[in-house]
Amino acid sequence: KSQFSLNFWKILFILTILIFKFDDVIVYLIISLMLSVFIS
C-alpha cells in the first residue's frame, strides 16, 4: 500500500502520455496524482 501511494501515479502518467500522445505534461500529471490520492 505504501508503494502504491508512491508509485501508482507514475503508471497512470505514462499511460496518459502514450494514449493521448503528450500535449500538456502538467495536466496529465495532475490527473494521475488526483486518481492516486483518491484510491490511496
ModelCIF file with pLDDT and N, C-alpha, C, O atoms, coordinates in Angstrom:
data_MODEL
#
_entry.id   MODEL 
#
_entity.id                         1 
_entity.type                       polymer 
_entity.pdbx_number_of_molecules   1 
#
_entity_poly.entity_id                      1 
_entity_poly.type                           'polypeptide(L)' 
_entity_poly.nstd_linkage                   no 
_entity_poly.nstd_monomer                   no 
_entity_poly.pdbx_seq_one_letter_code       KSQFSLNFWKILFILTILIFKFDDVIVYLIISLMLSVFIS 
_entity_poly.pdbx_seq_one_letter_code_can   KSQFSLNFWKILFILTILIFKFDDVIVYLIISLMLSVFIS 
_entity_poly.pdbx_strand_id                 A 
#
loop_
_entity_poly_seq.entity_id 
_entity_poly_seq.num 
_entity_poly_seq.mon_id 
_entity_poly_seq.hetero 
1 1  LYS n 
1 2  SER n 
1 3  GLN n 
1 4  PHE n 
1 5  SER n 
1 6  LEU n 
1 7  ASN n 
1 8  PHE n 
1 9  TRP n 
1 10 LYS n 
1 11 ILE n 
1 12 LEU n 
1 13 PHE n 
1 14 ILE n 
1 15 LEU n 
1 16 THR n 
1 17 ILE n 
1 18 LEU n 
1 19 ILE n 
1 20 PHE n 
1 21 LYS n 
1 22 PHE n 
1 23 ASP n 
1 24 ASP n 
1 25 VAL n 
1 26 ILE n 
1 27 VAL n 
1 28 TYR n 
1 29 LEU n 
1 30 ILE n 
1 31 ILE n 
1 32 SER n 
1 33 LEU n 
1 34 MET n 
1 35 LEU n 
1 36 SER n 
1 37 VAL n 
1 38 PHE n 
1 39 ILE n 
1 40 SER n 
#
_struct_asym.id          A 
_struct_asym.entity_id   1 
#
loop_
_ma_qa_metric.id 
_ma_qa_metric.mode 
_ma_qa_metric.name 
_ma_qa_metric.software_group_id 
_ma_qa_metric.type 
1 global pLDDT . pLDDT 
2 local  pLDDT . pLDDT 
#
_ma_qa_metric_global.metric_id      1 
_ma_qa_metric_global.metric_value   84.22 
_ma_qa_metric_global.model_id       1 
_ma_qa_metric_global.ordinal_id     1 
#
loop_
_ma_qa_metric_local.label_asym_id 
_ma_qa_metric_local.label_comp_id 
_ma_qa_metric_local.label_seq_id 
_ma_qa_metric_local.metric_id 
_ma_qa_metric_local.metric_value 
_ma_qa_metric_local.model_id 
_ma_qa_metric_local.ordinal_id 
A LYS 1  2 84.00 1 1  
A SER 2  2 85.00 1 2  
A GLN 3  2 85.00 1 3  
A PHE 4  2 88.00 1 4  
A SER 5  2 87.00 1 5  
A LEU 6  2 86.00 1 6  
A ASN 7  2 89.00 1 7  
A PHE 8  2 90.00 1 8  
A TRP 9  2 91.00 1 9  
A LYS 10 2 89.00 1 10 
A ILE 11 2 90.00 1 11 
A LEU 12 2 90.00 1 12 
A PHE 13 2 88.00 1 13 
A ILE 14 2 86.00 1 14 
A LEU 15 2 87.00 1 15 
A THR 16 2 85.00 1 16 
A ILE 17 2 81.00 1 17 
A LEU 18 2 81.00 1 18 
A ILE 19 2 81.00 1 19 
A PHE 20 2 76.00 1 20 
A LYS 21 2 65.00 1 21 
A PHE 22 2 60.00 1 22 
A ASP 23 2 61.00 1 23 
A ASP 24 2 69.00 1 24 
A VAL 25 2 74.00 1 25 
A ILE 26 2 77.00 1 26 
A VAL 27 2 82.00 1 27 
A TYR 28 2 82.00 1 28 
A LEU 29 2 85.00 1 29 
A ILE 30 2 88.00 1 30 
A ILE 31 2 89.00 1 31 
A SER 32 2 90.00 1 32 
A LEU 33 2 92.00 1 33 
A MET 34 2 92.00 1 34 
A LEU 35 2 92.00 1 35 
A SER 36 2 91.00 1 36 
A VAL 37 2 91.00 1 37 
A PHE 38 2 92.00 1 38 
A ILE 39 2 91.00 1 39 
A SER 40 2 87.00 1 40 
#
loop_
_atom_site.group_PDB 
_atom_site.id 
_atom_site.type_symbol 
_atom_site.label_atom_id 
_atom_site.label_alt_id 
_atom_site.label_comp_id 
_atom_site.label_asym_id 
_atom_site.label_entity_id 
_atom_site.label_seq_id 
_atom_site.pdbx_PDB_ins_code 
_atom_site.Cartn_x 
_atom_site.Cartn_y 
_atom_site.Cartn_z 
_atom_site.occupancy 
_atom_site.B_iso_or_equiv 
_atom_site.pdbx_formal_charge 
_atom_site.auth_seq_id 
_atom_site.auth_comp_id 
_atom_site.auth_asym_id 
_atom_site.auth_atom_id 
_atom_site.pdbx_PDB_model_num 
ATOM 1   N N  . LYS A 1 1  ? 0.837  -1.205 0.000   1.00 84.00 ? 1  LYS A N  1 
ATOM 2   C CA . LYS A 1 1  ? 0.000  0.000  0.000   1.00 84.00 ? 1  LYS A CA 1 
ATOM 3   C C  . LYS A 1 1  ? 0.874  1.258  0.000   1.00 84.00 ? 1  LYS A C  1 
ATOM 4   O O  . LYS A 1 1  ? 0.531  2.273  -0.606  1.00 84.00 ? 1  LYS A O  1 
ATOM 5   N N  . SER A 1 2  ? 1.998  1.165  0.687   1.00 85.00 ? 2  SER A N  1 
ATOM 6   C CA . SER A 1 2  ? 2.941  2.274  0.689   1.00 85.00 ? 2  SER A CA 1 
ATOM 7   C C  . SER A 1 2  ? 3.488  2.525  -0.709  1.00 85.00 ? 2  SER A C  1 
ATOM 8   O O  . SER A 1 2  ? 3.550  3.664  -1.171  1.00 85.00 ? 2  SER A O  1 
ATOM 9   N N  . GLN A 1 3  ? 3.880  1.453  -1.370  1.00 85.00 ? 3  GLN A N  1 
ATOM 10  C CA . GLN A 1 3  ? 4.410  1.586  -2.727  1.00 85.00 ? 3  GLN A CA 1 
ATOM 11  C C  . GLN A 1 3  ? 3.330  2.013  -3.717  1.00 85.00 ? 3  GLN A C  1 
ATOM 12  O O  . GLN A 1 3  ? 3.621  2.713  -4.687  1.00 85.00 ? 3  GLN A O  1 
ATOM 13  N N  . PHE A 1 4  ? 2.108  1.604  -3.486  1.00 88.00 ? 4  PHE A N  1 
ATOM 14  C CA . PHE A 1 4  ? 1.002  2.030  -4.353  1.00 88.00 ? 4  PHE A CA 1 
ATOM 15  C C  . PHE A 1 4  ? 0.868  3.553  -4.302  1.00 88.00 ? 4  PHE A C  1 
ATOM 16  O O  . PHE A 1 4  ? 0.795  4.206  -5.343  1.00 88.00 ? 4  PHE A O  1 
ATOM 17  N N  . SER A 1 5  ? 0.836  4.110  -3.110  1.00 87.00 ? 5  SER A N  1 
ATOM 18  C CA . SER A 1 5  ? 0.715  5.561  -2.961  1.00 87.00 ? 5  SER A CA 1 
ATOM 19  C C  . SER A 1 5  ? 1.882  6.285  -3.603  1.00 87.00 ? 5  SER A C  1 
ATOM 20  O O  . SER A 1 5  ? 1.721  7.364  -4.173  1.00 87.00 ? 5  SER A O  1 
ATOM 21  N N  . LEU A 1 6  ? 3.045  5.689  -3.506  1.00 86.00 ? 6  LEU A N  1 
ATOM 22  C CA . LEU A 1 6  ? 4.255  6.343  -4.004  1.00 86.00 ? 6  LEU A CA 1 
ATOM 23  C C  . LEU A 1 6  ? 4.445  6.205  -5.509  1.00 86.00 ? 6  LEU A C  1 
ATOM 24  O O  . LEU A 1 6  ? 5.077  7.058  -6.132  1.00 86.00 ? 6  LEU A O  1 
ATOM 25  N N  . ASN A 1 7  ? 3.904  5.136  -6.103  1.00 89.00 ? 7  ASN A N  1 
ATOM 26  C CA . ASN A 1 7  ? 4.266  4.828  -7.489  1.00 89.00 ? 7  ASN A CA 1 
ATOM 27  C C  . ASN A 1 7  ? 3.120  4.669  -8.480  1.00 89.00 ? 7  ASN A C  1 
ATOM 28  O O  . ASN A 1 7  ? 3.361  4.728  -9.686  1.00 89.00 ? 7  ASN A O  1 
ATOM 29  N N  . PHE A 1 8  ? 1.890  4.471  -8.029  1.00 90.00 ? 8  PHE A N  1 
ATOM 30  C CA . PHE A 1 8  ? 0.814  4.217  -8.982  1.00 90.00 ? 8  PHE A CA 1 
ATOM 31  C C  . PHE A 1 8  ? 0.580  5.387  -9.920  1.00 90.00 ? 8  PHE A C  1 
ATOM 32  O O  . PHE A 1 8  ? 0.228  5.187  -11.082 1.00 90.00 ? 8  PHE A O  1 
ATOM 33  N N  . TRP A 1 9  ? 0.769  6.607  -9.432  1.00 91.00 ? 9  TRP A N  1 
ATOM 34  C CA . TRP A 1 9  ? 0.573  7.778  -10.286 1.00 91.00 ? 9  TRP A CA 1 
ATOM 35  C C  . TRP A 1 9  ? 1.525  7.772  -11.480 1.00 91.00 ? 9  TRP A C  1 
ATOM 36  O O  . TRP A 1 9  ? 1.195  8.297  -12.543 1.00 91.00 ? 9  TRP A O  1 
ATOM 37  N N  . LYS A 1 10 ? 2.707  7.177  -11.303 1.00 89.00 ? 10 LYS A N  1 
ATOM 38  C CA . LYS A 1 10 ? 3.684  7.124  -12.396 1.00 89.00 ? 10 LYS A CA 1 
ATOM 39  C C  . LYS A 1 10 ? 3.184  6.225  -13.526 1.00 89.00 ? 10 LYS A C  1 
ATOM 40  O O  . LYS A 1 10 ? 3.400  6.509  -14.704 1.00 89.00 ? 10 LYS A O  1 
ATOM 41  N N  . ILE A 1 11 ? 2.510  5.134  -13.146 1.00 90.00 ? 11 ILE A N  1 
ATOM 42  C CA . ILE A 1 11 ? 1.938  4.227  -14.154 1.00 90.00 ? 11 ILE A CA 1 
ATOM 43  C C  . ILE A 1 11 ? 0.815  4.931  -14.921 1.00 90.00 ? 11 ILE A C  1 
ATOM 44  O O  . ILE A 1 11 ? 0.740  4.839  -16.146 1.00 90.00 ? 11 ILE A O  1 
ATOM 45  N N  . LEU A 1 12 ? -0.048 5.628  -14.194 1.00 90.00 ? 12 LEU A N  1 
ATOM 46  C CA . LEU A 1 12 ? -1.125 6.386  -14.844 1.00 90.00 ? 12 LEU A CA 1 
ATOM 47  C C  . LEU A 1 12 ? -0.552 7.478  -15.737 1.00 90.00 ? 12 LEU A C  1 
ATOM 48  O O  . LEU A 1 12 ? -1.080 7.749  -16.815 1.00 90.00 ? 12 LEU A O  1 
ATOM 49  N N  . PHE A 1 13 ? 0.513  8.092  -15.291 1.00 88.00 ? 13 PHE A N  1 
ATOM 50  C CA . PHE A 1 13 ? 1.134  9.200  -16.030 1.00 88.00 ? 13 PHE A CA 1 
ATOM 51  C C  . PHE A 1 13 ? 1.631  8.756  -17.399 1.00 88.00 ? 13 PHE A C  1 
ATOM 52  O O  . PHE A 1 13 ? 1.344  9.406  -18.404 1.00 88.00 ? 13 PHE A O  1 
ATOM 53  N N  . ILE A 1 14 ? 2.379  7.650  -17.447 1.00 86.00 ? 14 ILE A N  1 
ATOM 54  C CA . ILE A 1 14 ? 2.900  7.197  -18.739 1.00 86.00 ? 14 ILE A CA 1 
ATOM 55  C C  . ILE A 1 14 ? 1.773  6.724  -19.651 1.00 86.00 ? 14 ILE A C  1 
ATOM 56  O O  . ILE A 1 14 ? 1.846  6.889  -20.868 1.00 86.00 ? 14 ILE A O  1 
ATOM 57  N N  . LEU A 1 15 ? 0.723  6.132  -19.058 1.00 87.00 ? 15 LEU A N  1 
ATOM 58  C CA . LEU A 1 15 ? -0.412 5.686  -19.874 1.00 87.00 ? 15 LEU A CA 1 
ATOM 59  C C  . LEU A 1 15 ? -1.101 6.875  -20.543 1.00 87.00 ? 15 LEU A C  1 
ATOM 60  O O  . LEU A 1 15 ? -1.463 6.799  -21.717 1.00 87.00 ? 15 LEU A O  1 
ATOM 61  N N  . THR A 1 16 ? -1.283 7.964  -19.811 1.00 85.00 ? 16 THR A N  1 
ATOM 62  C CA . THR A 1 16 ? -1.918 9.152  -20.406 1.00 85.00 ? 16 THR A CA 1 
ATOM 63  C C  . THR A 1 16 ? -1.039 9.759  -21.498 1.00 85.00 ? 16 THR A C  1 
ATOM 64  O O  . THR A 1 16 ? -1.542 10.234 -22.516 1.00 85.00 ? 16 THR A O  1 
ATOM 65  N N  . ILE A 1 17 ? 0.261  9.741  -21.283 1.00 81.00 ? 17 ILE A N  1 
ATOM 66  C CA . ILE A 1 17 ? 1.181  10.282 -22.300 1.00 81.00 ? 17 ILE A CA 1 
ATOM 67  C C  . ILE A 1 17 ? 1.115  9.469  -23.585 1.00 81.00 ? 17 ILE A C  1 
ATOM 68  O O  . ILE A 1 17 ? 1.026  10.026 -24.679 1.00 81.00 ? 17 ILE A O  1 
ATOM 69  N N  . LEU A 1 18 ? 1.159  8.148  -23.444 1.00 81.00 ? 18 LEU A N  1 
ATOM 70  C CA . LEU A 1 18 ? 1.181  7.281  -24.628 1.00 81.00 ? 18 LEU A CA 1 
ATOM 71  C C  . LEU A 1 18 ? -0.176 7.227  -25.330 1.00 81.00 ? 18 LEU A C  1 
ATOM 72  O O  . LEU A 1 18 ? -0.240 7.147  -26.557 1.00 81.00 ? 18 LEU A O  1 
ATOM 73  N N  . ILE A 1 19 ? -1.255 7.270  -24.557 1.00 81.00 ? 19 ILE A N  1 
ATOM 74  C CA . ILE A 1 19 ? -2.596 7.185  -25.157 1.00 81.00 ? 19 ILE A CA 1 
ATOM 75  C C  . ILE A 1 19 ? -2.976 8.494  -25.833 1.00 81.00 ? 19 ILE A C  1 
ATOM 76  O O  . ILE A 1 19 ? -3.495 8.503  -26.949 1.00 81.00 ? 19 ILE A O  1 
ATOM 77  N N  . PHE A 1 20 ? -2.707 9.621  -25.128 1.00 76.00 ? 20 PHE A N  1 
ATOM 78  C CA . PHE A 1 20 ? -3.128 10.917 -25.652 1.00 76.00 ? 20 PHE A CA 1 
ATOM 79  C C  . PHE A 1 20 ? -2.012 11.662 -26.378 1.00 76.00 ? 20 PHE A C  1 
ATOM 80  O O  . PHE A 1 20 ? -2.168 12.819 -26.768 1.00 76.00 ? 20 PHE A O  1 
ATOM 81  N N  . LYS A 1 21 ? -0.878 10.971 -26.551 1.00 65.00 ? 21 LYS A N  1 
ATOM 82  C CA . LYS A 1 21 ? 0.238  11.483 -27.343 1.00 65.00 ? 21 LYS A CA 1 
ATOM 83  C C  . LYS A 1 21 ? 0.889  12.752 -26.791 1.00 65.00 ? 21 LYS A C  1 
ATOM 84  O O  . LYS A 1 21 ? 1.513  13.506 -27.538 1.00 65.00 ? 21 LYS A O  1 
ATOM 85  N N  . PHE A 1 22 ? 0.746  12.988 -25.489 1.00 60.00 ? 22 PHE A N  1 
ATOM 86  C CA . PHE A 1 22 ? 1.512  14.023 -24.800 1.00 60.00 ? 22 PHE A CA 1 
ATOM 87  C C  . PHE A 1 22 ? 1.289  15.431 -25.362 1.00 60.00 ? 22 PHE A C  1 
ATOM 88  O O  . PHE A 1 22 ? 1.821  15.792 -26.412 1.00 60.00 ? 22 PHE A O  1 
ATOM 89  N N  . ASP A 1 23 ? 0.507  16.195 -24.652 1.00 61.00 ? 23 ASP A N  1 
ATOM 90  C CA . ASP A 1 23 ? 0.265  17.570 -25.049 1.00 61.00 ? 23 ASP A CA 1 
ATOM 91  C C  . ASP A 1 23 ? 0.744  18.513 -23.957 1.00 61.00 ? 23 ASP A C  1 
ATOM 92  O O  . ASP A 1 23 ? 1.728  19.231 -24.135 1.00 61.00 ? 23 ASP A O  1 
ATOM 93  N N  . ASP A 1 24 ? 0.049  18.510 -22.832 1.00 69.00 ? 24 ASP A N  1 
ATOM 94  C CA . ASP A 1 24 ? 0.428  19.334 -21.693 1.00 69.00 ? 24 ASP A CA 1 
ATOM 95  C C  . ASP A 1 24 ? 0.767  18.416 -20.524 1.00 69.00 ? 24 ASP A C  1 
ATOM 96  O O  . ASP A 1 24 ? -0.131 17.876 -19.877 1.00 69.00 ? 24 ASP A O  1 
ATOM 97  N N  . VAL A 1 25 ? 2.042  18.240 -20.252 1.00 74.00 ? 25 VAL A N  1 
ATOM 98  C CA . VAL A 1 25 ? 2.510  17.249 -19.289 1.00 74.00 ? 25 VAL A CA 1 
ATOM 99  C C  . VAL A 1 25 ? 1.965  17.498 -17.884 1.00 74.00 ? 25 VAL A C  1 
ATOM 100 O O  . VAL A 1 25 ? 1.656  16.546 -17.167 1.00 74.00 ? 25 VAL A O  1 
ATOM 101 N N  . ILE A 1 26 ? 1.843  18.756 -17.483 1.00 77.00 ? 26 ILE A N  1 
ATOM 102 C CA . ILE A 1 26 ? 1.417  19.051 -16.123 1.00 77.00 ? 26 ILE A CA 1 
ATOM 103 C C  . ILE A 1 26 ? -0.039 18.670 -15.890 1.00 77.00 ? 26 ILE A C  1 
ATOM 104 O O  . ILE A 1 26 ? -0.401 18.287 -14.778 1.00 77.00 ? 26 ILE A O  1 
ATOM 105 N N  . VAL A 1 27 ? -0.889 18.768 -16.925 1.00 82.00 ? 27 VAL A N  1 
ATOM 106 C CA . VAL A 1 27 ? -2.293 18.368 -16.804 1.00 82.00 ? 27 VAL A CA 1 
ATOM 107 C C  . VAL A 1 27 ? -2.393 16.867 -16.578 1.00 82.00 ? 27 VAL A C  1 
ATOM 108 O O  . VAL A 1 27 ? -3.135 16.414 -15.707 1.00 82.00 ? 27 VAL A O  1 
ATOM 109 N N  . TYR A 1 28 ? -1.648 16.097 -17.363 1.00 82.00 ? 28 TYR A N  1 
ATOM 110 C CA . TYR A 1 28 ? -1.635 14.643 -17.202 1.00 82.00 ? 28 TYR A CA 1 
ATOM 111 C C  . TYR A 1 28 ? -1.094 14.253 -15.830 1.00 82.00 ? 28 TYR A C  1 
ATOM 112 O O  . TYR A 1 28 ? -1.561 13.297 -15.212 1.00 82.00 ? 28 TYR A O  1 
ATOM 113 N N  . LEU A 1 29 ? -0.103 15.009 -15.366 1.00 85.00 ? 29 LEU A N  1 
ATOM 114 C CA . LEU A 1 29 ? 0.483  14.753 -14.054 1.00 85.00 ? 29 LEU A CA 1 
ATOM 115 C C  . LEU A 1 29 ? -0.552 14.949 -12.949 1.00 85.00 ? 29 LEU A C  1 
ATOM 116 O O  . LEU A 1 29 ? -0.659 14.122 -12.044 1.00 85.00 ? 29 LEU A O  1 
ATOM 117 N N  . ILE A 1 30 ? -1.306 16.027 -13.019 1.00 88.00 ? 30 ILE A N  1 
ATOM 118 C CA . ILE A 1 30 ? -2.317 16.326 -12.001 1.00 88.00 ? 30 ILE A CA 1 
ATOM 119 C C  . ILE A 1 30 ? -3.417 15.272 -11.998 1.00 88.00 ? 30 ILE A C  1 
ATOM 120 O O  . ILE A 1 30 ? -3.840 14.822 -10.933 1.00 88.00 ? 30 ILE A O  1 
ATOM 121 N N  . ILE A 1 31 ? -3.881 14.876 -13.174 1.00 89.00 ? 31 ILE A N  1 
ATOM 122 C CA . ILE A 1 31 ? -4.911 13.836 -13.273 1.00 89.00 ? 31 ILE A CA 1 
ATOM 123 C C  . ILE A 1 31 ? -4.422 12.538 -12.620 1.00 89.00 ? 31 ILE A C  1 
ATOM 124 O O  . ILE A 1 31 ? -5.154 11.898 -11.864 1.00 89.00 ? 31 ILE A O  1 
ATOM 125 N N  . SER A 1 32 ? -3.184 12.163 -12.921 1.00 90.00 ? 32 SER A N  1 
ATOM 126 C CA . SER A 1 32 ? -2.604 10.936 -12.365 1.00 90.00 ? 32 SER A CA 1 
ATOM 127 C C  . SER A 1 32 ? -2.484 11.014 -10.843 1.00 90.00 ? 32 SER A C  1 
ATOM 128 O O  . SER A 1 32 ? -2.789 10.050 -10.141 1.00 90.00 ? 32 SER A O  1 
ATOM 129 N N  . LEU A 1 33 ? -2.039 12.164 -10.336 1.00 92.00 ? 33 LEU A N  1 
ATOM 130 C CA . LEU A 1 33 ? -1.889 12.344 -8.896  1.00 92.00 ? 33 LEU A CA 1 
ATOM 131 C C  . LEU A 1 33 ? -3.244 12.323 -8.186  1.00 92.00 ? 33 LEU A C  1 
ATOM 132 O O  . LEU A 1 33 ? -3.373 11.717 -7.123  1.00 92.00 ? 33 LEU A O  1 
ATOM 133 N N  . MET A 1 34 ? -4.253 12.980 -8.766  1.00 92.00 ? 34 MET A N  1 
ATOM 134 C CA . MET A 1 34 ? -5.579 13.028 -8.152  1.00 92.00 ? 34 MET A CA 1 
ATOM 135 C C  . MET A 1 34 ? -6.197 11.634 -8.022  1.00 92.00 ? 34 MET A C  1 
ATOM 136 O O  . MET A 1 34 ? -6.743 11.285 -6.975  1.00 92.00 ? 34 MET A O  1 
ATOM 137 N N  . LEU A 1 35 ? -6.108 10.852 -9.078  1.00 92.00 ? 35 LEU A N  1 
ATOM 138 C CA . LEU A 1 35 ? -6.662 9.497  -9.042  1.00 92.00 ? 35 LEU A CA 1 
ATOM 139 C C  . LEU A 1 35 ? -5.934 8.638  -8.010  1.00 92.00 ? 35 LEU A C  1 
ATOM 140 O O  . LEU A 1 35 ? -6.559 7.841  -7.311  1.00 92.00 ? 35 LEU A O  1 
ATOM 141 N N  . SER A 1 36 ? -4.624 8.799  -7.914  1.00 91.00 ? 36 SER A N  1 
ATOM 142 C CA . SER A 1 36 ? -3.836 8.020  -6.954  1.00 91.00 ? 36 SER A CA 1 
ATOM 143 C C  . SER A 1 36 ? -4.168 8.405  -5.517  1.00 91.00 ? 36 SER A C  1 
ATOM 144 O O  . SER A 1 36 ? -4.241 7.538  -4.646  1.00 91.00 ? 36 SER A O  1 
ATOM 145 N N  . VAL A 1 37 ? -4.371 9.697  -5.262  1.00 91.00 ? 37 VAL A N  1 
ATOM 146 C CA . VAL A 1 37 ? -4.755 10.153 -3.922  1.00 91.00 ? 37 VAL A CA 1 
ATOM 147 C C  . VAL A 1 37 ? -6.110 9.560  -3.531  1.00 91.00 ? 37 VAL A C  1 
ATOM 148 O O  . VAL A 1 37 ? -6.289 9.092  -2.407  1.00 91.00 ? 37 VAL A O  1 
ATOM 149 N N  . PHE A 1 38 ? -7.052 9.584  -4.462  1.00 92.00 ? 38 PHE A N  1 
ATOM 150 C CA . PHE A 1 38 ? -8.396 9.062  -4.213  1.00 92.00 ? 38 PHE A CA 1 
ATOM 151 C C  . PHE A 1 38 ? -8.349 7.577  -3.841  1.00 92.00 ? 38 PHE A C  1 
ATOM 152 O O  . PHE A 1 38 ? -8.978 7.157  -2.870  1.00 92.00 ? 38 PHE A O  1 
ATOM 153 N N  . ILE A 1 39 ? -7.606 6.790  -4.613  1.00 91.00 ? 39 ILE A N  1 
ATOM 154 C CA . ILE A 1 39 ? -7.527 5.350  -4.358  1.00 91.00 ? 39 ILE A CA 1 
ATOM 155 C C  . ILE A 1 39 ? -6.748 5.072  -3.074  1.00 91.00 ? 39 ILE A C  1 
ATOM 156 O O  . ILE A 1 39 ? -7.125 4.191  -2.302  1.00 91.00 ? 39 ILE A O  1 
ATOM 157 N N  . SER A 1 40 ? -5.664 5.816  -2.840  1.00 87.00 ? 40 SER A N  1 
ATOM 158 C CA . SER A 1 40 ? -4.840 5.606  -1.648  1.00 87.00 ? 40 SER A CA 1 
ATOM 159 C C  . SER A 1 40 ? -5.624 5.860  -0.373  1.00 87.00 ? 40 SER A C  1 
ATOM 160 O O  . SER A 1 40 ? -5.081 5.727  0.723   1.00 87.00 ? 40 SER A O  1 
#
